[in-house]
Amino acid sequence: MSIEVVFEKRINNVNVYRDVDVAQRRQYFLLTFLSAMFVLGLLLYGWQQYRWLRLGYDIEKLKEKHGMDYDSHASYRFVERTA
């Protein structure tokens, strides 16, 4: 009959120093930058669409306010003159 003796060794990793992987850090920064540009592009696109719709609603509101049909009004219609 054998007796097993186990010595528990506690490892302290506080003093362990790892070199910085420059290539991996560059990839993280590139991924972060590209993600930020993508999100910024989506926000700008959404803002343009919102402004486009808001402008359309404002134009319709002004048309109703003035009570004129700008599409058929002669002074606002572009007429090509033939010489």
N, C-alpha and C. Protein backbone atom coordinates (compact mmCIF):
# COMPACT_ATOMS: atom_id res chain seq x y z
N MET A 1 0.84 -1.16 0.00
CA MET A 1 0.00 0.00 0.00
C MET A 1 0.89 1.24 0.00
N SER A 2 0.65 2.09 -1.00
CA SER A 2 1.47 3.30 -1.10
C SER A 2 0.66 4.52 -0.69
N ILE A 3 1.36 5.45 -0.19
CA ILE A 3 0.72 6.70 0.27
C ILE A 3 1.13 7.80 -0.70
N GLU A 4 0.10 8.49 -1.18
CA GLU A 4 0.37 9.60 -2.09
C GLU A 4 0.45 10.89 -1.32
N VAL A 5 1.48 11.61 -1.59
CA VAL A 5 1.65 12.92 -0.96
C VAL A 5 1.62 13.96 -2.07
N VAL A 6 0.75 14.93 -1.92
CA VAL A 6 0.61 15.98 -2.92
C VAL A 6 0.97 17.30 -2.26
N PHE A 7 1.93 17.98 -2.86
CA PHE A 7 2.31 19.30 -2.38
C PHE A 7 1.64 20.34 -3.27
N GLU A 8 0.88 21.20 -2.68
CA GLU A 8 0.17 22.23 -3.44
C GLU A 8 1.08 23.45 -3.54
N LYS A 9 1.36 23.83 -4.75
CA LYS A 9 2.22 24.99 -4.96
C LYS A 9 1.35 26.10 -5.54
N ARG A 10 1.27 27.17 -4.85
CA ARG A 10 0.50 28.31 -5.32
C ARG A 10 1.36 29.13 -6.26
N ILE A 11 0.79 29.41 -7.43
CA ILE A 11 1.52 30.17 -8.44
C ILE A 11 1.04 31.61 -8.41
N ASN A 12 1.97 32.50 -8.31
CA ASN A 12 1.65 33.93 -8.29
C ASN A 12 2.07 34.51 -9.63
N ASN A 13 1.07 34.92 -10.43
CA ASN A 13 1.34 35.45 -11.77
C ASN A 13 1.44 36.97 -11.80
N VAL A 14 1.52 37.59 -10.66
CA VAL A 14 1.60 39.04 -10.61
C VAL A 14 2.91 39.53 -11.21
N ASN A 15 3.95 38.81 -11.01
CA ASN A 15 5.26 39.24 -11.47
C ASN A 15 5.60 38.78 -12.88
N VAL A 16 4.67 38.07 -13.52
CA VAL A 16 4.93 37.57 -14.87
C VAL A 16 4.74 38.72 -15.85
N TYR A 17 5.70 38.90 -16.74
CA TYR A 17 5.67 40.00 -17.71
C TYR A 17 5.64 39.41 -19.11
N ARG A 18 4.64 39.83 -19.89
CA ARG A 18 4.56 39.37 -21.28
C ARG A 18 4.82 40.55 -22.19
N ASP A 19 5.59 40.30 -23.22
CA ASP A 19 5.86 41.34 -24.21
C ASP A 19 4.59 41.64 -25.00
N VAL A 20 4.48 42.89 -25.41
CA VAL A 20 3.33 43.31 -26.19
C VAL A 20 3.48 42.81 -27.62
N ASP A 21 2.45 42.17 -28.12
CA ASP A 21 2.44 41.70 -29.50
C ASP A 21 1.98 42.86 -30.38
N VAL A 22 2.92 43.47 -31.08
CA VAL A 22 2.64 44.67 -31.86
C VAL A 22 1.67 44.39 -32.99
N ALA A 23 1.81 43.26 -33.65
CA ALA A 23 0.92 42.93 -34.77
C ALA A 23 -0.51 42.73 -34.29
N GLN A 24 -0.67 42.06 -33.15
CA GLN A 24 -2.01 41.82 -32.62
C GLN A 24 -2.63 43.14 -32.15
N ARG A 25 -1.85 44.00 -31.54
CA ARG A 25 -2.35 45.31 -31.10
C ARG A 25 -2.79 46.14 -32.31
N ARG A 26 -2.01 46.10 -33.38
CA ARG A 26 -2.35 46.83 -34.60
C ARG A 26 -3.67 46.31 -35.18
N GLN A 27 -3.86 44.99 -35.15
CA GLN A 27 -5.11 44.41 -35.65
C GLN A 27 -6.30 44.84 -34.79
N TYR A 28 -6.12 44.90 -33.48
CA TYR A 28 -7.20 45.35 -32.61
C TYR A 28 -7.57 46.81 -32.90
N PHE A 29 -6.57 47.66 -33.05
CA PHE A 29 -6.83 49.06 -33.36
C PHE A 29 -7.50 49.22 -34.72
N LEU A 30 -7.07 48.44 -35.71
CA LEU A 30 -7.68 48.50 -37.03
C LEU A 30 -9.13 48.04 -36.98
N LEU A 31 -9.40 46.96 -36.27
CA LEU A 31 -10.77 46.47 -36.14
C LEU A 31 -11.65 47.49 -35.42
N THR A 32 -11.14 48.11 -34.38
CA THR A 32 -11.89 49.13 -33.65
C THR A 32 -12.17 50.33 -34.54
N PHE A 33 -11.17 50.76 -35.29
CA PHE A 33 -11.33 51.91 -36.18
C PHE A 33 -12.36 51.62 -37.28
N LEU A 34 -12.25 50.45 -37.91
CA LEU A 34 -13.20 50.09 -38.97
C LEU A 34 -14.62 49.96 -38.43
N SER A 35 -14.76 49.40 -37.25
CA SER A 35 -16.08 49.29 -36.63
C SER A 35 -16.67 50.65 -36.34
N ALA A 36 -15.85 51.56 -35.84
CA ALA A 36 -16.32 52.92 -35.55
C ALA A 36 -16.72 53.64 -36.83
N MET A 37 -15.96 53.46 -37.91
CA MET A 37 -16.31 54.09 -39.19
C MET A 37 -17.62 53.52 -39.75
N PHE A 38 -17.82 52.22 -39.58
CA PHE A 38 -19.06 51.60 -40.04
C PHE A 38 -20.26 52.15 -39.28
N VAL A 39 -20.14 52.24 -37.97
CA VAL A 39 -21.23 52.77 -37.15
C VAL A 39 -21.47 54.23 -37.48
N LEU A 40 -20.42 55.00 -37.67
CA LEU A 40 -20.56 56.41 -38.04
C LEU A 40 -21.25 56.54 -39.39
N GLY A 41 -20.90 55.69 -40.35
CA GLY A 41 -21.56 55.71 -41.66
C GLY A 41 -23.04 55.40 -41.55
N LEU A 42 -23.39 54.42 -40.71
CA LEU A 42 -24.80 54.09 -40.51
C LEU A 42 -25.56 55.26 -39.88
N LEU A 43 -24.93 55.92 -38.92
CA LEU A 43 -25.58 57.07 -38.29
C LEU A 43 -25.77 58.22 -39.27
N LEU A 44 -24.78 58.49 -40.10
CA LEU A 44 -24.92 59.55 -41.09
C LEU A 44 -25.99 59.22 -42.12
N TYR A 45 -26.04 57.97 -42.55
CA TYR A 45 -27.06 57.55 -43.50
C TYR A 45 -28.46 57.71 -42.89
N GLY A 46 -28.62 57.28 -41.67
CA GLY A 46 -29.90 57.41 -40.99
C GLY A 46 -30.30 58.86 -40.81
N TRP A 47 -29.33 59.71 -40.48
CA TRP A 47 -29.62 61.13 -40.31
C TRP A 47 -30.06 61.75 -41.64
N GLN A 48 -29.42 61.39 -42.74
CA GLN A 48 -29.81 61.92 -44.05
C GLN A 48 -31.23 61.47 -44.41
N GLN A 49 -31.54 60.20 -44.15
CA GLN A 49 -32.88 59.72 -44.46
C GLN A 49 -33.92 60.44 -43.62
N TYR A 50 -33.62 60.67 -42.35
CA TYR A 50 -34.54 61.39 -41.48
C TYR A 50 -34.76 62.81 -41.98
N ARG A 51 -33.68 63.49 -42.35
CA ARG A 51 -33.80 64.86 -42.85
C ARG A 51 -34.58 64.90 -44.16
N TRP A 52 -34.37 63.92 -45.03
CA TRP A 52 -35.08 63.85 -46.30
C TRP A 52 -36.59 63.72 -46.07
N LEU A 53 -36.98 62.83 -45.17
CA LEU A 53 -38.40 62.66 -44.86
C LEU A 53 -38.97 63.91 -44.19
N ARG A 54 -38.22 64.48 -43.26
CA ARG A 54 -38.69 65.67 -42.54
C ARG A 54 -38.89 66.82 -43.53
N LEU A 55 -37.99 66.98 -44.48
CA LEU A 55 -38.11 68.04 -45.48
C LEU A 55 -39.35 67.82 -46.34
N GLY A 56 -39.61 66.59 -46.72
CA GLY A 56 -40.81 66.28 -47.49
C GLY A 56 -42.08 66.63 -46.75
N TYR A 57 -42.12 66.30 -45.45
CA TYR A 57 -43.29 66.65 -44.64
C TYR A 57 -43.43 68.16 -44.50
N ASP A 58 -42.33 68.86 -44.35
CA ASP A 58 -42.39 70.32 -44.24
C ASP A 58 -42.89 70.96 -45.53
N ILE A 59 -42.47 70.44 -46.67
CA ILE A 59 -42.93 70.97 -47.96
C ILE A 59 -44.43 70.76 -48.10
N GLU A 60 -44.90 69.56 -47.75
CA GLU A 60 -46.34 69.30 -47.83
C GLU A 60 -47.13 70.21 -46.89
N LYS A 61 -46.60 70.46 -45.71
CA LYS A 61 -47.28 71.33 -44.75
C LYS A 61 -47.36 72.75 -45.29
N LEU A 62 -46.29 73.23 -45.92
CA LEU A 62 -46.31 74.58 -46.49
C LEU A 62 -47.26 74.68 -47.68
N LYS A 63 -47.35 73.62 -48.48
CA LYS A 63 -48.29 73.62 -49.59
C LYS A 63 -49.73 73.73 -49.07
N GLU A 64 -50.03 72.98 -48.02
CA GLU A 64 -51.37 73.06 -47.44
C GLU A 64 -51.63 74.42 -46.81
N LYS A 65 -50.61 75.00 -46.22
CA LYS A 65 -50.76 76.30 -45.56
C LYS A 65 -51.07 77.39 -46.57
N HIS A 66 -50.41 77.37 -47.70
CA HIS A 66 -50.62 78.42 -48.71
C HIS A 66 -51.80 78.11 -49.62
N GLY A 67 -52.30 76.91 -49.61
CA GLY A 67 -53.47 76.55 -50.39
C GLY A 67 -53.26 76.58 -51.88
N MET A 68 -52.05 76.34 -52.34
CA MET A 68 -51.77 76.36 -53.77
C MET A 68 -51.29 74.99 -54.21
N ASP A 69 -51.61 74.70 -55.44
CA ASP A 69 -51.10 73.48 -56.05
C ASP A 69 -49.88 73.86 -56.87
N TYR A 70 -48.71 73.71 -56.30
CA TYR A 70 -47.48 74.16 -56.94
C TYR A 70 -47.14 73.35 -58.18
N ASP A 71 -47.64 72.14 -58.26
CA ASP A 71 -47.32 71.31 -59.42
C ASP A 71 -48.03 71.79 -60.68
N SER A 72 -49.22 72.35 -60.53
CA SER A 72 -49.96 72.78 -61.71
C SER A 72 -49.96 74.30 -61.88
N HIS A 73 -49.43 75.04 -60.94
CA HIS A 73 -49.41 76.49 -61.04
C HIS A 73 -48.43 76.91 -62.14
N ALA A 74 -48.87 77.79 -63.02
CA ALA A 74 -48.10 78.12 -64.22
C ALA A 74 -46.80 78.84 -63.89
N SER A 75 -46.78 79.67 -62.87
CA SER A 75 -45.56 80.43 -62.60
C SER A 75 -44.47 79.57 -61.96
N TYR A 76 -44.84 78.42 -61.45
CA TYR A 76 -43.85 77.53 -60.82
C TYR A 76 -43.47 76.36 -61.71
N ARG A 77 -44.12 76.23 -62.85
CA ARG A 77 -43.85 75.11 -63.72
C ARG A 77 -42.76 75.50 -64.72
N PHE A 78 -41.85 74.58 -64.94
CA PHE A 78 -40.78 74.82 -65.90
C PHE A 78 -41.30 74.50 -67.31
N VAL A 79 -41.24 75.49 -68.15
CA VAL A 79 -41.70 75.30 -69.52
C VAL A 79 -40.52 75.55 -70.43
N GLU A 80 -40.23 74.59 -71.27
CA GLU A 80 -39.12 74.75 -72.19
C GLU A 80 -39.59 75.53 -73.39
N ARG A 81 -38.88 76.59 -73.65
CA ARG A 81 -39.26 77.44 -74.80
C ARG A 81 -38.59 76.93 -76.06
N THR A 82 -39.35 76.93 -77.12
CA THR A 82 -38.77 76.55 -78.41
C THR A 82 -38.61 77.81 -79.23
N ALA A 83 -37.47 77.98 -79.81
CA ALA A 83 -37.19 79.20 -80.55
C ALA A 83 -37.60 79.12 -81.98
